[in-house]
Amino acid sequence: KAIVVDDEAPARREMRRLLAAHDDRVVVVGDARDLATARGLLLRTRPDLVFLDIRLGKASGFDLLEDIDEETAVVFVTAYDDFAVQAFEASNRYSMRNATLVVSSLGLILMKRW
């Protein structure tokens, strides 16, 4: 089970489209455009995987990390390569063994197997 957290509707739709090709392994059970919606979705769905945009309007995807179970895999998704270092630092700070980074506007996706 996966959720997609991104403040831009076209990005959420595109991520769902890309993941649909892997529906035998990844089932998107919901998406959220802001932190409050994402927190509720985390509680309701208990996903195994979160595709998390780093920039969520004026908020930050990093603010959601405390709410994500440690065993949940997180894929940071961003169009801003400036956030790459911050994402790696966050994965260390939160002891997120299952974190990885996607830097692009949904073009280049670097994911590890879990």
PDB file of N, CA and C in Angstrom:
ATOM      1  N   LYS A   1       0.841  -1.184   0.000  1.00  0.00           N
ATOM      2  CA  LYS A   1       0.000   0.000   0.000  1.00  0.00           C
ATOM      3  C   LYS A   1       0.875   1.232   0.000  1.00  0.00           C
ATOM      4  N   ALA A   2       0.516   2.193  -0.840  1.00  0.00           N
ATOM      5  CA  ALA A   2       1.295   3.418  -0.938  1.00  0.00           C
ATOM      6  C   ALA A   2       0.376   4.634  -0.930  1.00  0.00           C
ATOM      7  N   ILE A   3       0.920   5.765  -0.462  1.00  0.00           N
ATOM      8  CA  ILE A   3       0.230   7.041  -0.598  1.00  0.00           C
ATOM      9  C   ILE A   3       1.173   8.024  -1.270  1.00  0.00           C
ATOM     10  N   VAL A   4       0.586   9.030  -1.898  1.00  0.00           N
ATOM     11  CA  VAL A   4       1.334  10.070  -2.592  1.00  0.00           C
ATOM     12  C   VAL A   4       0.996  11.395  -1.921  1.00  0.00           C
ATOM     13  N   VAL A   5       2.028  12.128  -1.493  1.00  0.00           N
ATOM     14  CA  VAL A   5       1.825  13.426  -0.846  1.00  0.00           C
ATOM     15  C   VAL A   5       2.535  14.487  -1.680  1.00  0.00           C
ATOM     16  N   ASP A   6       1.752  15.337  -2.316  1.00  0.00           N
ATOM     17  CA  ASP A   6       2.289  16.401  -3.173  1.00  0.00           C
ATOM     18  C   ASP A   6       1.252  17.502  -3.247  1.00  0.00           C
ATOM     19  N   ASP A   7       1.673  18.745  -3.177  1.00  0.00           N
ATOM     20  CA  ASP A   7       0.725  19.850  -3.191  1.00  0.00           C
ATOM     21  C   ASP A   7       0.193  20.155  -4.588  1.00  0.00           C
ATOM     22  N   GLU A   8       0.786  19.583  -5.616  1.00  0.00           N
ATOM     23  CA  GLU A   8       0.362  19.856  -6.987  1.00  0.00           C
ATOM     24  C   GLU A   8      -0.422  18.675  -7.553  1.00  0.00           C
ATOM     25  N   ALA A   9      -1.668  18.932  -7.915  1.00  0.00           N
ATOM     26  CA  ALA A   9      -2.533  17.872  -8.447  1.00  0.00           C
ATOM     27  C   ALA A   9      -1.945  17.194  -9.682  1.00  0.00           C
ATOM     28  N   PRO A  10      -1.360  17.926 -10.642  1.00  0.00           N
ATOM     29  CA  PRO A  10      -0.783  17.247 -11.805  1.00  0.00           C
ATOM     30  C   PRO A  10       0.352  16.281 -11.417  1.00  0.00           C
ATOM     31  N   ALA A  11       1.124  16.648 -10.422  1.00  0.00           N
ATOM     32  CA  ALA A  11       2.208  15.768  -9.967  1.00  0.00           C
ATOM     33  C   ALA A  11       1.638  14.513  -9.308  1.00  0.00           C
ATOM     34  N   ARG A  12       0.588  14.658  -8.514  1.00  0.00           N
ATOM     35  CA  ARG A  12      -0.053  13.489  -7.897  1.00  0.00           C
ATOM     36  C   ARG A  12      -0.619  12.559  -8.968  1.00  0.00           C
ATOM     37  N   ARG A  13      -1.281  13.142  -9.966  1.00  0.00           N
ATOM     38  CA  ARG A  13      -1.837  12.324 -11.052  1.00  0.00           C
ATOM     39  C   ARG A  13      -0.738  11.599 -11.817  1.00  0.00           C
ATOM     40  N   GLU A  14       0.354  12.291 -12.087  1.00  0.00           N
ATOM     41  CA  GLU A  14       1.449  11.672 -12.836  1.00  0.00           C
ATOM     42  C   GLU A  14       2.103  10.558 -12.019  1.00  0.00           C
ATOM     43  N   MET A  15       2.280  10.763 -10.733  1.00  0.00           N
ATOM     44  CA  MET A  15       2.858   9.715  -9.894  1.00  0.00           C
ATOM     45  C   MET A  15       1.939   8.493  -9.879  1.00  0.00           C
ATOM     46  N   ARG A  16       0.645   8.707  -9.762  1.00  0.00           N
ATOM     47  CA  ARG A  16      -0.308   7.594  -9.812  1.00  0.00           C
ATOM     48  C   ARG A  16      -0.221   6.876 -11.160  1.00  0.00           C
ATOM     49  N   ARG A  17      -0.092   7.641 -12.244  1.00  0.00           N
ATOM     50  CA  ARG A  17       0.005   7.046 -13.570  1.00  0.00           C
ATOM     51  C   ARG A  17       1.258   6.182 -13.682  1.00  0.00           C
ATOM     52  N   LEU A  18       2.376   6.711 -13.212  1.00  0.00           N
ATOM     53  CA  LEU A  18       3.628   5.958 -13.270  1.00  0.00           C
ATOM     54  C   LEU A  18       3.563   4.690 -12.412  1.00  0.00           C
ATOM     55  N   LEU A  19       2.955   4.799 -11.260  1.00  0.00           N
ATOM     56  CA  LEU A  19       2.866   3.651 -10.359  1.00  0.00           C
ATOM     57  C   LEU A  19       1.869   2.604 -10.842  1.00  0.00           C
ATOM     58  N   ALA A  20       0.904   3.021 -11.650  1.00  0.00           N
ATOM     59  CA  ALA A  20      -0.086   2.075 -12.162  1.00  0.00           C
ATOM     60  C   ALA A  20       0.573   0.968 -12.986  1.00  0.00           C
ATOM     61  N   ALA A  21       1.700   1.258 -13.569  1.00  0.00           N
ATOM     62  CA  ALA A  21       2.426   0.242 -14.344  1.00  0.00           C
ATOM     63  C   ALA A  21       2.995  -0.849 -13.446  1.00  0.00           C
ATOM     64  N   HIS A  22       2.997  -0.596 -12.150  1.00  0.00           N
ATOM     65  CA  HIS A  22       3.543  -1.550 -11.180  1.00  0.00           C
ATOM     66  C   HIS A  22       2.473  -1.976 -10.182  1.00  0.00           C
ATOM     67  N   ASP A  23       1.221  -2.008 -10.622  1.00  0.00           N
ATOM     68  CA  ASP A  23       0.126  -2.275  -9.689  1.00  0.00           C
ATOM     69  C   ASP A  23       0.134  -3.692  -9.123  1.00  0.00           C
ATOM     70  N   ASP A  24       0.992  -4.544  -9.652  1.00  0.00           N
ATOM     71  CA  ASP A  24       1.146  -5.873  -9.051  1.00  0.00           C
ATOM     72  C   ASP A  24       1.985  -5.805  -7.782  1.00  0.00           C
ATOM     73  N   ARG A  25       2.736  -4.690  -7.599  1.00  0.00           N
ATOM     74  CA  ARG A  25       3.588  -4.522  -6.426  1.00  0.00           C
ATOM     75  C   ARG A  25       3.251  -3.296  -5.599  1.00  0.00           C
ATOM     76  N   VAL A  26       2.702  -2.270  -6.235  1.00  0.00           N
ATOM     77  CA  VAL A  26       2.407  -1.016  -5.542  1.00  0.00           C
ATOM     78  C   VAL A  26       0.959  -0.631  -5.821  1.00  0.00           C
ATOM     79  N   VAL A  27       0.181  -0.513  -4.771  1.00  0.00           N
ATOM     80  CA  VAL A  27      -1.209  -0.076  -4.897  1.00  0.00           C
ATOM     81  C   VAL A  27      -1.347   1.255  -4.167  1.00  0.00           C
ATOM     82  N   VAL A  28      -1.674   2.297  -4.901  1.00  0.00           N
ATOM     83  CA  VAL A  28      -1.859   3.616  -4.296  1.00  0.00           C
ATOM     84  C   VAL A  28      -3.253   3.656  -3.662  1.00  0.00           C
ATOM     85  N   VAL A  29      -3.267   3.818  -2.340  1.00  0.00           N
ATOM     86  CA  VAL A  29      -4.529   3.808  -1.602  1.00  0.00           C
ATOM     87  C   VAL A  29      -5.044   5.206  -1.285  1.00  0.00           C
ATOM     88  N   GLY A  30      -4.277   6.227  -1.657  1.00  0.00           N
ATOM     89  CA  GLY A  30      -4.736   7.591  -1.424  1.00  0.00           C
ATOM     90  C   GLY A  30      -3.656   8.595  -1.724  1.00  0.00           C
ATOM     91  N   ASP A  31      -4.062   9.859  -1.798  1.00  0.00           N
ATOM     92  CA  ASP A  31      -3.080  10.926  -1.962  1.00  0.00           C
ATOM     93  C   ASP A  31      -3.534  12.138  -1.163  1.00  0.00           C
ATOM     94  N   ALA A  32      -2.585  13.018  -0.913  1.00  0.00           N
ATOM     95  CA  ALA A  32      -2.848  14.197  -0.086  1.00  0.00           C
ATOM     96  C   ALA A  32      -2.124  15.394  -0.679  1.00  0.00           C
ATOM     97  N   ARG A  33      -2.729  16.565  -0.523  1.00  0.00           N
ATOM     98  CA  ARG A  33      -2.125  17.789  -1.047  1.00  0.00           C
ATOM     99  C   ARG A  33      -1.483  18.653   0.030  1.00  0.00           C
ATOM    100  N   ASP A  34      -1.731  18.300   1.317  1.00  0.00           N
ATOM    101  CA  ASP A  34      -1.171  19.099   2.399  1.00  0.00           C
ATOM    102  C   ASP A  34      -0.877  18.204   3.602  1.00  0.00           C
ATOM    103  N   LEU A  35      -0.208  18.775   4.594  1.00  0.00           N
ATOM    104  CA  LEU A  35       0.204  17.998   5.765  1.00  0.00           C
ATOM    105  C   LEU A  35      -0.973  17.454   6.557  1.00  0.00           C
ATOM    106  N   ALA A  36      -2.001  18.248   6.767  1.00  0.00           N
ATOM    107  CA  ALA A  36      -3.146  17.794   7.566  1.00  0.00           C
ATOM    108  C   ALA A  36      -3.825  16.598   6.906  1.00  0.00           C
ATOM    109  N   THR A  37      -4.037  16.673   5.616  1.00  0.00           N
ATOM    110  CA  THR A  37      -4.658  15.565   4.892  1.00  0.00           C
ATOM    111  C   THR A  37      -3.745  14.342   4.916  1.00  0.00           C
ATOM    112  N   ALA A  38      -2.455  14.561   4.755  1.00  0.00           N
ATOM    113  CA  ALA A  38      -1.498  13.450   4.770  1.00  0.00           C
ATOM    114  C   ALA A  38      -1.482  12.756   6.126  1.00  0.00           C
ATOM    115  N   ARG A  39      -1.533  13.520   7.198  1.00  0.00           N
ATOM    116  CA  ARG A  39      -1.542  12.912   8.538  1.00  0.00           C
ATOM    117  C   ARG A  39      -2.764  12.020   8.725  1.00  0.00           C
ATOM    118  N   GLY A  40      -3.916  12.496   8.298  1.00  0.00           N
ATOM    119  CA  GLY A  40      -5.126  11.689   8.393  1.00  0.00           C
ATOM    120  C   GLY A  40      -5.033  10.435   7.544  1.00  0.00           C
ATOM    121  N   LEU A  41      -4.472  10.569   6.365  1.00  0.00           N
ATOM    122  CA  LEU A  41      -4.321   9.436   5.459  1.00  0.00           C
ATOM    123  C   LEU A  41      -3.359   8.399   6.038  1.00  0.00           C
ATOM    124  N   LEU A  42      -2.303   8.853   6.673  1.00  0.00           N
ATOM    125  CA  LEU A  42      -1.359   7.930   7.323  1.00  0.00           C
ATOM    126  C   LEU A  42      -2.061   7.103   8.394  1.00  0.00           C
ATOM    127  N   LEU A  43      -2.880   7.759   9.199  1.00  0.00           N
ATOM    128  CA  LEU A  43      -3.600   7.058  10.271  1.00  0.00           C
ATOM    129  C   LEU A  43      -4.626   6.067   9.726  1.00  0.00           C
ATOM    130  N   ARG A  44      -5.332   6.463   8.680  1.00  0.00           N
ATOM    131  CA  ARG A  44      -6.386   5.607   8.120  1.00  0.00           C
ATOM    132  C   ARG A  44      -5.847   4.426   7.322  1.00  0.00           C
ATOM    133  N   THR A  45      -4.763   4.639   6.591  1.00  0.00           N
ATOM    134  CA  THR A  45      -4.329   3.600   5.648  1.00  0.00           C
ATOM    135  C   THR A  45      -3.119   2.796   6.106  1.00  0.00           C
ATOM    136  N   ARG A  46      -2.315   3.342   7.027  1.00  0.00           N
ATOM    137  CA  ARG A  46      -1.093   2.658   7.479  1.00  0.00           C
ATOM    138  C   ARG A  46      -0.299   2.119   6.287  1.00  0.00           C
ATOM    139  N   PRO A  47       0.179   3.017   5.408  1.00  0.00           N
ATOM    140  CA  PRO A  47       0.846   2.567   4.182  1.00  0.00           C
ATOM    141  C   PRO A  47       2.209   1.930   4.450  1.00  0.00           C
ATOM    142  N   ASP A  48       2.635   1.127   3.498  1.00  0.00           N
ATOM    143  CA  ASP A  48       3.974   0.544   3.531  1.00  0.00           C
ATOM    144  C   ASP A  48       4.982   1.480   2.880  1.00  0.00           C
ATOM    145  N   LEU A  49       4.475   2.407   2.074  1.00  0.00           N
ATOM    146  CA  LEU A  49       5.310   3.259   1.235  1.00  0.00           C
ATOM    147  C   LEU A  49       4.666   4.631   1.101  1.00  0.00           C
ATOM    148  N   VAL A  50       5.480   5.686   1.251  1.00  0.00           N
ATOM    149  CA  VAL A  50       5.000   7.058   1.088  1.00  0.00           C
ATOM    150  C   VAL A  50       5.870   7.751   0.050  1.00  0.00           C
ATOM    151  N   PHE A  51       5.245   8.261  -1.007  1.00  0.00           N
ATOM    152  CA  PHE A  51       5.933   9.125  -1.967  1.00  0.00           C
ATOM    153  C   PHE A  51       5.691  10.544  -1.479  1.00  0.00           C
ATOM    154  N   LEU A  52       6.751  11.205  -1.008  1.00  0.00           N
ATOM    155  CA  LEU A  52       6.615  12.457  -0.269  1.00  0.00           C
ATOM    156  C   LEU A  52       7.347  13.599  -0.961  1.00  0.00           C
ATOM    157  N   ASP A  53       6.573  14.588  -1.402  1.00  0.00           N
ATOM    158  CA  ASP A  53       7.161  15.799  -1.963  1.00  0.00           C
ATOM    159  C   ASP A  53       7.808  16.573  -0.826  1.00  0.00           C
ATOM    160  N   ILE A  54       8.913  17.191  -1.088  1.00  0.00           N
ATOM    161  CA  ILE A  54       9.605  17.938  -0.043  1.00  0.00           C
ATOM    162  C   ILE A  54       8.991  19.320   0.121  1.00  0.00           C
ATOM    163  N   ARG A  55       8.680  19.971  -0.968  1.00  0.00           N
ATOM    164  CA  ARG A  55       8.064  21.295  -0.883  1.00  0.00           C
ATOM    165  C   ARG A  55       6.558  21.141  -1.056  1.00  0.00           C
ATOM    166  N   LEU A  56       5.831  21.455   0.001  1.00  0.00           N
ATOM    167  CA  LEU A  56       4.366  21.368  -0.002  1.00  0.00           C
ATOM    168  C   LEU A  56       3.787  22.755   0.204  1.00  0.00           C
ATOM    169  N   GLY A  57       3.843  23.577  -0.822  1.00  0.00           N
ATOM    170  CA  GLY A  57       3.416  24.973  -0.683  1.00  0.00           C
ATOM    171  C   GLY A  57       4.355  25.677   0.273  1.00  0.00           C
ATOM    172  N   LYS A  58       3.807  26.237   1.354  1.00  0.00           N
ATOM    173  CA  LYS A  58       4.642  26.905   2.354  1.00  0.00           C
ATOM    174  C   LYS A  58       5.154  25.925   3.409  1.00  0.00           C
ATOM    175  N   ALA A  59       4.642  24.705   3.391  1.00  0.00           N
ATOM    176  CA  ALA A  59       5.060  23.685   4.352  1.00  0.00           C
ATOM    177  C   ALA A  59       6.164  22.823   3.745  1.00  0.00           C
ATOM    178  N   SER A  60       6.660  21.912   4.558  1.00  0.00           N
ATOM    179  CA  SER A  60       7.724  21.018   4.119  1.00  0.00           C
ATOM    180  C   SER A  60       7.329  19.565   4.383  1.00  0.00           C
ATOM    181  N   GLY A  61       7.631  18.708   3.438  1.00  0.00           N
ATOM    182  CA  GLY A  61       7.402  17.285   3.641  1.00  0.00           C
ATOM    183  C   GLY A  61       8.188  16.751   4.818  1.00  0.00           C
ATOM    184  N   PHE A  62       9.300  17.407   5.148  1.00  0.00           N
ATOM    185  CA  PHE A  62      10.094  16.984   6.297  1.00  0.00           C
ATOM    186  C   PHE A  62       9.275  17.030   7.586  1.00  0.00           C
ATOM    187  N   ASP A  63       8.294  17.938   7.634  1.00  0.00           N
ATOM    188  CA  ASP A  63       7.454  18.059   8.825  1.00  0.00           C
ATOM    189  C   ASP A  63       6.560  16.838   9.041  1.00  0.00           C
ATOM    190  N   LEU A  64       6.415  16.018   8.013  1.00  0.00           N
ATOM    191  CA  LEU A  64       5.570  14.834   8.115  1.00  0.00           C
ATOM    192  C   LEU A  64       6.346  13.614   8.619  1.00  0.00           C
ATOM    193  N   LEU A  65       7.656  13.683   8.586  1.00  0.00           N
ATOM    194  CA  LEU A  65       8.470  12.508   8.924  1.00  0.00           C
ATOM    195  C   LEU A  65       8.187  11.954  10.313  1.00  0.00           C
ATOM    196  N   GLU A  66       7.930  12.828  11.274  1.00  0.00           N
ATOM    197  CA  GLU A  66       7.650  12.372  12.641  1.00  0.00           C
ATOM    198  C   GLU A  66       6.390  11.512  12.720  1.00  0.00           C
ATOM    199  N   ASP A  67       5.489  11.690  11.764  1.00  0.00           N
ATOM    200  CA  ASP A  67       4.213  10.971  11.770  1.00  0.00           C
ATOM    201  C   ASP A  67       4.266   9.642  11.016  1.00  0.00           C
ATOM    202  N   ILE A  68       5.364   9.378  10.339  1.00  0.00           N
ATOM    203  CA  ILE A  68       5.485   8.176   9.518  1.00  0.00           C
ATOM    204  C   ILE A  68       6.174   7.088  10.332  1.00  0.00           C
ATOM    205  N   ASP A  69       5.556   5.913  10.385  1.00  0.00           N
ATOM    206  CA  ASP A  69       6.153   4.781  11.105  1.00  0.00           C
ATOM    207  C   ASP A  69       7.535   4.483  10.560  1.00  0.00           C
ATOM    208  N   GLU A  70       8.445   4.091  11.450  1.00  0.00           N
ATOM    209  CA  GLU A  70       9.822   3.829  11.055  1.00  0.00           C
ATOM    210  C   GLU A  70       9.930   2.732  10.002  1.00  0.00           C
ATOM    211  N   GLU A  71       9.037   1.753  10.049  1.00  0.00           N
ATOM    212  CA  GLU A  71       9.123   0.661   9.086  1.00  0.00           C
ATOM    213  C   GLU A  71       8.512   1.005   7.728  1.00  0.00           C
ATOM    214  N   THR A  72       7.889   2.169   7.614  1.00  0.00           N
ATOM    215  CA  THR A  72       7.319   2.615   6.348  1.00  0.00           C
ATOM    216  C   THR A  72       8.422   3.174   5.461  1.00  0.00           C
ATOM    217  N   ALA A  73       8.483   2.715   4.231  1.00  0.00           N
ATOM    218  CA  ALA A  73       9.470   3.230   3.278  1.00  0.00           C
ATOM    219  C   ALA A  73       9.021   4.604   2.794  1.00  0.00           C
ATOM    220  N   VAL A  74       9.975   5.511   2.658  1.00  0.00           N
ATOM    221  CA  VAL A  74       9.688   6.860   2.192  1.00  0.00           C
ATOM    222  C   VAL A  74      10.518   7.131   0.943  1.00  0.00           C
ATOM    223  N   VAL A  75       9.855   7.598  -0.096  1.00  0.00           N
ATOM    224  CA  VAL A  75      10.529   8.039  -1.310  1.00  0.00           C
ATOM    225  C   VAL A  75      10.326   9.546  -1.384  1.00  0.00           C
ATOM    226  N   PHE A  76      11.400  10.303  -1.185  1.00  0.00           N
ATOM    227  CA  PHE A  76      11.312  11.756  -1.296  1.00  0.00           C
ATOM    228  C   PHE A  76      11.227  12.104  -2.781  1.00  0.00           C
ATOM    229  N   VAL A  77      10.255  12.920  -3.122  1.00  0.00           N
ATOM    230  CA  VAL A  77      10.041  13.319  -4.508  1.00  0.00           C
ATOM    231  C   VAL A  77      10.152  14.833  -4.575  1.00  0.00           C
ATOM    232  N   THR A  78      11.020  15.336  -5.451  1.00  0.00           N
ATOM    233  CA  THR A  78      11.158  16.782  -5.566  1.00  0.00           C
ATOM    234  C   THR A  78      11.670  17.156  -6.950  1.00  0.00           C
ATOM    235  N   ALA A  79      11.279  18.311  -7.397  1.00  0.00           N
ATOM    236  CA  ALA A  79      11.796  18.856  -8.650  1.00  0.00           C
ATOM    237  C   ALA A  79      12.999  19.756  -8.375  1.00  0.00           C
ATOM    238  N   TYR A  80      13.360  19.899  -7.094  1.00  0.00           N
ATOM    239  CA  TYR A  80      14.418  20.823  -6.705  1.00  0.00           C
ATOM    240  C   TYR A  80      15.624  20.059  -6.195  1.00  0.00           C
ATOM    241  N   ASP A  81      16.706  20.056  -6.964  1.00  0.00           N
ATOM    242  CA  ASP A  81      17.886  19.302  -6.539  1.00  0.00           C
ATOM    243  C   ASP A  81      18.533  19.900  -5.293  1.00  0.00           C
ATOM    244  N   ASP A  82      18.196  21.141  -4.946  1.00  0.00           N
ATOM    245  CA  ASP A  82      18.719  21.757  -3.724  1.00  0.00           C
ATOM    246  C   ASP A  82      18.293  20.974  -2.481  1.00  0.00           C
ATOM    247  N   PHE A  83      17.191  20.249  -2.576  1.00  0.00           N
ATOM    248  CA  PHE A  83      16.682  19.511  -1.426  1.00  0.00           C
ATOM    249  C   PHE A  83      17.335  18.140  -1.255  1.00  0.00           C
ATOM    250  N   ALA A  84      18.174  17.730  -2.188  1.00  0.00           N
ATOM    251  CA  ALA A  84      18.758  16.389  -2.127  1.00  0.00           C
ATOM    252  C   ALA A  84      19.537  16.170  -0.831  1.00  0.00           C
ATOM    253  N   VAL A  85      20.408  17.090  -0.492  1.00  0.00           N
ATOM    254  CA  VAL A  85      21.211  16.944   0.726  1.00  0.00           C
ATOM    255  C   VAL A  85      20.312  16.927   1.950  1.00  0.00           C
ATOM    256  N   GLN A  86      19.316  17.795   1.989  1.00  0.00           N
ATOM    257  CA  GLN A  86      18.391  17.830   3.122  1.00  0.00           C
ATOM    258  C   GLN A  86      17.655  16.503   3.268  1.00  0.00           C
ATOM    259  N   ALA A  87      17.284  15.906   2.156  1.00  0.00           N
ATOM    260  CA  ALA A  87      16.567  14.629   2.213  1.00  0.00           C
ATOM    261  C   ALA A  87      17.461  13.534   2.782  1.00  0.00           C
ATOM    262  N   PHE A  88      18.712  13.495   2.352  1.00  0.00           N
ATOM    263  CA  PHE A  88      19.627  12.488   2.889  1.00  0.00           C
ATOM    264  C   PHE A  88      19.896  12.723   4.371  1.00  0.00           C
ATOM    265  N   GLU A  89      20.047  13.985   4.764  1.00  0.00           N
ATOM    266  CA  GLU A  89      20.248  14.287   6.179  1.00  0.00           C
ATOM    267  C   GLU A  89      19.024  13.885   7.001  1.00  0.00           C
ATOM    268  N   ALA A  90      17.848  14.137   6.464  1.00  0.00           N
ATOM    269  CA  ALA A  90      16.621  13.769   7.179  1.00  0.00           C
ATOM    270  C   ALA A  90      16.519  12.265   7.340  1.00  0.00           C
ATOM    271  N   SER A  91      16.906  11.519   6.326  1.00  0.00           N
ATOM    272  CA  SER A  91      16.815  10.060   6.437  1.00  0.00           C
ATOM    273  C   SER A  91      17.745   9.548   7.527  1.00  0.00           C
ATOM    274  N   ASN A  92      18.866  10.206   7.729  1.00  0.00           N
ATOM    275  CA  ASN A  92      19.774   9.826   8.816  1.00  0.00           C
ATOM    276  C   ASN A  92      19.243  10.290  10.168  1.00  0.00           C
ATOM    277  N   ARG A  93      18.730  11.496  10.227  1.00  0.00           N
ATOM    278  CA  ARG A  93      18.242  12.069  11.478  1.00  0.00           C
ATOM    279  C   ARG A  93      17.066  11.277  12.037  1.00  0.00           C
ATOM    280  N   TYR A  94      16.212  10.801  11.171  1.00  0.00           N
ATOM    281  CA  TYR A  94      15.039  10.062  11.624  1.00  0.00           C
ATOM    282  C   TYR A  94      15.260   8.557  11.589  1.00  0.00           C
ATOM    283  N   SER A  95      16.510   8.133  11.411  1.00  0.00           N
ATOM    284  CA  SER A  95      16.847   6.710  11.369  1.00  0.00           C
ATOM    285  C   SER A  95      15.931   5.959  10.417  1.00  0.00           C
ATOM    286  N   MET A  96      15.714   6.550   9.275  1.00  0.00           N
ATOM    287  CA  MET A  96      14.819   5.933   8.303  1.00  0.00           C
ATOM    288  C   MET A  96      15.630   5.026   7.389  1.00  0.00           C
ATOM    289  N   ARG A  97      15.678   3.781   7.731  1.00  0.00           N
ATOM    290  CA  ARG A  97      16.439   2.826   6.927  1.00  0.00           C
ATOM    291  C   ARG A  97      15.836   2.655   5.544  1.00  0.00           C
ATOM    292  N   ASN A  98      14.566   2.925   5.406  1.00  0.00           N
ATOM    293  CA  ASN A  98      13.885   2.685   4.146  1.00  0.00           C
ATOM    294  C   ASN A  98      13.681   3.963   3.334  1.00  0.00           C
ATOM    295  N   ALA A  99      14.512   4.956   3.519  1.00  0.00           N
ATOM    296  CA  ALA A  99      14.340   6.204   2.783  1.00  0.00           C
ATOM    297  C   ALA A  99      15.191   6.206   1.529  1.00  0.00           C
ATOM    298  N   THR A 100      14.679   6.821   0.514  1.00  0.00           N
ATOM    299  CA  THR A 100      15.433   7.018  -0.712  1.00  0.00           C
ATOM    300  C   THR A 100      15.010   8.358  -1.298  1.00  0.00           C
ATOM    301  N   LEU A 101      15.586   8.743  -2.392  1.00  0.00           N
ATOM    302  CA  LEU A 101      15.375  10.093  -2.911  1.00  0.00           C
ATOM    303  C   LEU A 101      15.056  10.043  -4.392  1.00  0.00           C
ATOM    304  N   VAL A 102      14.090  10.838  -4.778  1.00  0.00           N
ATOM    305  CA  VAL A 102      13.781  11.043  -6.184  1.00  0.00           C
ATOM    306  C   VAL A 102      13.988  12.524  -6.445  1.00  0.00           C
ATOM    307  N   VAL A 103      14.904  12.867  -7.328  1.00  0.00           N
ATOM    308  CA  VAL A 103      15.119  14.270  -7.654  1.00  0.00           C
ATOM    309  C   VAL A 103      14.751  14.459  -9.110  1.00  0.00           C
ATOM    310  N   SER A 104      13.617  15.072  -9.358  1.00  0.00           N
ATOM    311  CA  SER A 104      13.221  15.395 -10.715  1.00  0.00           C
ATOM    312  C   SER A 104      11.809  15.908 -10.715  1.00  0.00           C
ATOM    313  N   SER A 105      11.364  16.252 -11.877  1.00  0.00           N
ATOM    314  CA  SER A 105       9.954  16.592 -12.045  1.00  0.00           C
ATOM    315  C   SER A 105       9.283  15.348 -12.614  1.00  0.00           C
ATOM    316  N   LEU A 106       9.427  14.249 -11.903  1.00  0.00           N
ATOM    317  CA  LEU A 106       8.882  12.945 -12.252  1.00  0.00           C
ATOM    318  C   LEU A 106       9.529  12.348 -13.493  1.00  0.00           C
ATOM    319  N   GLY A 107      10.748  12.746 -13.772  1.00  0.00           N
ATOM    320  CA  GLY A 107      11.445  12.161 -14.912  1.00  0.00           C
ATOM    321  C   GLY A 107      12.395  11.071 -14.475  1.00  0.00           C
ATOM    322  N   LEU A 108      13.373  11.406 -13.653  1.00  0.00           N
ATOM    323  CA  LEU A 108      14.351  10.437 -13.161  1.00  0.00           C
ATOM    324  C   LEU A 108      13.879   9.944 -11.799  1.00  0.00           C
ATOM    325  N   ILE A 109      13.682   8.657 -11.689  1.00  0.00           N
ATOM    326  CA  ILE A 109      13.245   8.101 -10.419  1.00  0.00           C
ATOM    327  C   ILE A 109      14.289   7.106  -9.945  1.00  0.00           C
ATOM    328  N   LEU A 110      14.901   7.387  -8.817  1.00  0.00           N
ATOM    329  CA  LEU A 110      15.909   6.525  -8.231  1.00  0.00           C
ATOM    330  C   LEU A 110      15.312   5.891  -7.006  1.00  0.00           C
ATOM    331  N   MET A 111      14.998   4.620  -7.090  1.00  0.00           N
ATOM    332  CA  MET A 111      14.357   3.945  -5.964  1.00  0.00           C
ATOM    333  C   MET A 111      15.131   2.694  -5.619  1.00  0.00           C
ATOM    334  N   LYS A 112      15.239   2.415  -4.354  1.00  0.00           N
ATOM    335  CA  LYS A 112      15.852   1.164  -3.976  1.00  0.00           C
ATOM    336  C   LYS A 112      14.769   0.118  -3.784  1.00  0.00           C
ATOM    337  N   ARG A 113      15.128  -1.133  -3.859  1.00  0.00           N
ATOM    338  CA  ARG A 113      14.163  -2.202  -3.663  1.00  0.00           C
ATOM    339  C   ARG A 113      13.914  -2.384  -2.184  1.00  0.00           C
ATOM    340  N   TRP A 114      12.677  -2.614  -1.837  1.00  0.00           N
ATOM    341  CA  TRP A 114      12.333  -2.928  -0.447  1.00  0.00           C
ATOM    342  C   TRP A 114      11.323  -4.037  -0.430  1.00  0.00           C
TER     343      TRP A 114
END
